[in-house]
Structure formats: structure tokens, C-alpha cells
N, C-alpha and C. Protein backbone atom coordinates (compact mmCIF):
# COMPACT_ATOMS: atom_id res chain seq x y z
N ASN A 1 61.79 117.01 130.27
CA ASN A 1 62.66 116.29 129.36
C ASN A 1 62.43 116.74 127.92
N ARG A 2 61.18 116.97 127.59
CA ARG A 2 60.86 117.41 126.23
C ARG A 2 61.44 118.81 125.97
N GLN A 3 61.38 119.69 126.97
CA GLN A 3 61.94 121.03 126.80
C GLN A 3 63.45 120.97 126.61
N ALA A 4 64.12 120.10 127.34
CA ALA A 4 65.57 119.94 127.18
C ALA A 4 65.89 119.40 125.78
N ALA A 5 65.11 118.45 125.32
CA ALA A 5 65.31 117.90 123.98
C ALA A 5 65.07 118.98 122.92
N ASP A 6 64.04 119.78 123.10
CA ASP A 6 63.77 120.87 122.15
C ASP A 6 64.92 121.87 122.12
N LEU A 7 65.50 122.16 123.28
CA LEU A 7 66.65 123.06 123.33
C LEU A 7 67.83 122.48 122.55
N LEU A 8 68.10 121.20 122.75
CA LEU A 8 69.20 120.56 122.03
C LEU A 8 68.98 120.60 120.52
N LEU A 9 67.74 120.43 120.10
CA LEU A 9 67.43 120.49 118.67
C LEU A 9 67.70 121.87 118.08
N ALA A 10 67.60 122.90 118.91
CA ALA A 10 67.80 124.27 118.45
C ALA A 10 69.28 124.68 118.44
N LEU A 11 70.14 123.87 119.05
CA LEU A 11 71.56 124.21 119.17
C LEU A 11 72.40 123.49 118.12
N ASP A 12 73.57 124.06 117.84
CA ASP A 12 74.55 123.41 116.97
C ASP A 12 75.39 122.48 117.85
N LEU A 13 75.21 121.19 117.71
CA LEU A 13 75.90 120.21 118.54
C LEU A 13 77.14 119.64 117.86
N SER A 14 77.54 120.22 116.75
CA SER A 14 78.62 119.64 115.95
C SER A 14 79.96 119.56 116.69
N ARG A 15 80.19 120.42 117.66
CA ARG A 15 81.47 120.39 118.39
C ARG A 15 81.31 119.84 119.81
N LEU A 16 80.10 119.48 120.19
CA LEU A 16 79.85 118.97 121.53
C LEU A 16 80.38 117.55 121.66
N LYS A 17 81.15 117.31 122.71
CA LYS A 17 81.73 115.98 122.93
C LYS A 17 81.09 115.28 124.12
N THR A 18 80.71 116.05 125.14
CA THR A 18 80.11 115.48 126.36
C THR A 18 78.93 116.34 126.77
N LEU A 19 77.86 115.69 127.17
CA LEU A 19 76.68 116.38 127.68
C LEU A 19 76.37 115.80 129.05
N VAL A 20 76.39 116.67 130.06
CA VAL A 20 76.07 116.24 131.42
C VAL A 20 74.67 116.75 131.76
N ILE A 21 73.80 115.83 132.07
CA ILE A 21 72.44 116.18 132.47
C ILE A 21 72.43 116.29 133.99
N GLY A 22 72.05 117.44 134.50
CA GLY A 22 72.04 117.67 135.94
C GLY A 22 70.68 118.13 136.42
N HIS A 23 70.62 118.39 137.69
CA HIS A 23 69.40 118.86 138.34
C HIS A 23 68.26 117.88 138.09
N ILE A 24 68.53 116.61 138.29
CA ILE A 24 67.54 115.56 138.07
C ILE A 24 66.71 115.40 139.34
N SER A 25 65.43 115.63 139.23
CA SER A 25 64.54 115.52 140.39
C SER A 25 64.39 114.05 140.79
N ALA A 26 64.62 113.77 142.06
CA ALA A 26 64.46 112.41 142.57
C ALA A 26 63.00 111.99 142.62
N LYS A 27 62.10 112.97 142.73
CA LYS A 27 60.67 112.66 142.85
C LYS A 27 59.93 112.69 141.52
N ASN A 28 60.34 113.59 140.63
CA ASN A 28 59.53 113.84 139.44
C ASN A 28 60.16 113.42 138.12
N ASN A 29 61.29 112.72 138.18
CA ASN A 29 61.94 112.33 136.94
C ASN A 29 62.69 111.03 137.15
N ASP A 30 63.18 110.47 136.07
CA ASP A 30 63.92 109.21 136.13
C ASP A 30 64.93 109.21 134.99
N VAL A 31 66.11 108.67 135.24
CA VAL A 31 67.17 108.66 134.23
C VAL A 31 66.70 107.96 132.95
N SER A 32 65.91 106.90 133.08
CA SER A 32 65.44 106.19 131.88
C SER A 32 64.56 107.09 131.01
N LEU A 33 63.76 107.96 131.63
CA LEU A 33 62.92 108.89 130.86
C LEU A 33 63.78 109.95 130.18
N ILE A 34 64.81 110.41 130.88
CA ILE A 34 65.71 111.40 130.30
C ILE A 34 66.47 110.79 129.13
N LYS A 35 66.97 109.57 129.31
CA LYS A 35 67.69 108.89 128.22
C LYS A 35 66.81 108.75 126.99
N ALA A 36 65.55 108.39 127.20
CA ALA A 36 64.63 108.21 126.07
C ALA A 36 64.44 109.50 125.29
N ALA A 37 64.45 110.63 125.98
CA ALA A 37 64.24 111.92 125.32
C ALA A 37 65.51 112.49 124.71
N ILE A 38 66.65 112.29 125.36
CA ILE A 38 67.89 112.97 124.97
C ILE A 38 68.85 112.11 124.15
N GLU A 39 68.98 110.84 124.51
CA GLU A 39 69.97 109.97 123.87
C GLU A 39 69.85 109.93 122.34
N PRO A 40 68.64 109.85 121.77
CA PRO A 40 68.54 109.82 120.31
C PRO A 40 69.10 111.07 119.62
N LEU A 41 69.16 112.18 120.33
CA LEU A 41 69.66 113.42 119.75
C LEU A 41 71.18 113.51 119.80
N CYS A 42 71.80 112.70 120.64
CA CYS A 42 73.25 112.79 120.85
C CYS A 42 74.06 112.02 119.82
N GLY A 43 73.49 111.01 119.24
CA GLY A 43 74.25 110.21 118.29
C GLY A 43 75.37 109.46 118.99
N GLU A 44 76.31 108.97 118.21
CA GLU A 44 77.41 108.17 118.76
C GLU A 44 78.60 109.01 119.19
N ASP A 45 78.65 110.27 118.77
CA ASP A 45 79.82 111.10 119.03
C ASP A 45 79.77 111.85 120.35
N ILE A 46 78.61 111.91 120.99
CA ILE A 46 78.46 112.67 122.23
C ILE A 46 78.31 111.71 123.40
N VAL A 47 79.16 111.88 124.40
CA VAL A 47 79.07 111.08 125.62
C VAL A 47 78.02 111.72 126.52
N LEU A 48 77.03 110.93 126.90
CA LEU A 48 75.95 111.41 127.76
C LEU A 48 76.21 110.95 129.18
N SER A 49 76.19 111.89 130.12
CA SER A 49 76.45 111.59 131.52
C SER A 49 75.36 112.22 132.37
N PHE A 50 75.16 111.67 133.56
CA PHE A 50 74.10 112.16 134.44
C PHE A 50 74.69 112.53 135.79
N ALA A 51 74.28 113.68 136.31
CA ALA A 51 74.71 114.14 137.62
C ALA A 51 73.47 114.17 138.51
N ASP A 52 73.37 113.18 139.39
CA ASP A 52 72.20 113.15 140.26
C ASP A 52 72.52 113.80 141.60
N GLN A 53 71.50 113.94 142.43
CA GLN A 53 71.64 114.65 143.69
C GLN A 53 72.50 113.91 144.70
N GLU A 54 72.59 112.61 144.59
CA GLU A 54 73.35 111.83 145.57
C GLU A 54 74.82 111.69 145.21
N SER A 55 75.12 111.37 143.96
CA SER A 55 76.51 111.07 143.62
C SER A 55 77.16 112.10 142.70
N GLY A 56 76.42 113.09 142.25
CA GLY A 56 77.01 114.09 141.37
C GLY A 56 77.35 113.49 140.02
N SER A 57 78.45 113.92 139.44
CA SER A 57 78.87 113.40 138.13
C SER A 57 80.27 112.82 138.25
N PRO A 58 80.65 111.98 137.30
CA PRO A 58 82.02 111.46 137.33
C PRO A 58 83.02 112.56 137.00
N TRP A 59 84.27 112.36 137.41
CA TRP A 59 85.33 113.30 137.05
C TRP A 59 85.54 113.25 135.55
N MET A 60 85.78 114.41 134.96
CA MET A 60 85.99 114.50 133.52
C MET A 60 87.20 115.36 133.23
N GLU A 61 87.91 114.99 132.19
CA GLU A 61 89.04 115.80 131.73
C GLU A 61 88.53 116.78 130.69
N ILE A 62 88.81 118.05 130.91
CA ILE A 62 88.39 119.09 129.97
C ILE A 62 89.61 119.56 129.21
N LYS A 63 89.51 119.52 127.90
CA LYS A 63 90.64 119.92 127.06
C LYS A 63 90.31 121.19 126.32
């Protein structure tokens, strides 16, 4: 989670509207831990979504 957060800090997120977090390990990670690391970096303008191994991600419209 820390490595993903560090990557986001290194990127220009000014045009990012949606961030989908995927490849979430059912054994070694938890959505609440990911949210704690990533959500503060997204601000109010970026929709944060999670794609887990069981249900995938919600349908999204890409423009």
C-alpha cells in the first residue's frame, strides 16, 4: 500500500477522475488499509473504486 501511495505521489493526478485499485490480496491486504494509504492522496475530485477477486469492479463509463 505504501508503494502504491508513493507512486501516486510521483504522478501528476490533475486530470485523473477515477482510480481503480485492483489485485487486492484476500490474505495479505484489506480495503480499509488501502483506503487509509490512498484516499488522502485522492482528494475530493478523484473517485476511488476497488476491484476485488470476487466481484471485480463496478461498470464505469469512460469518456
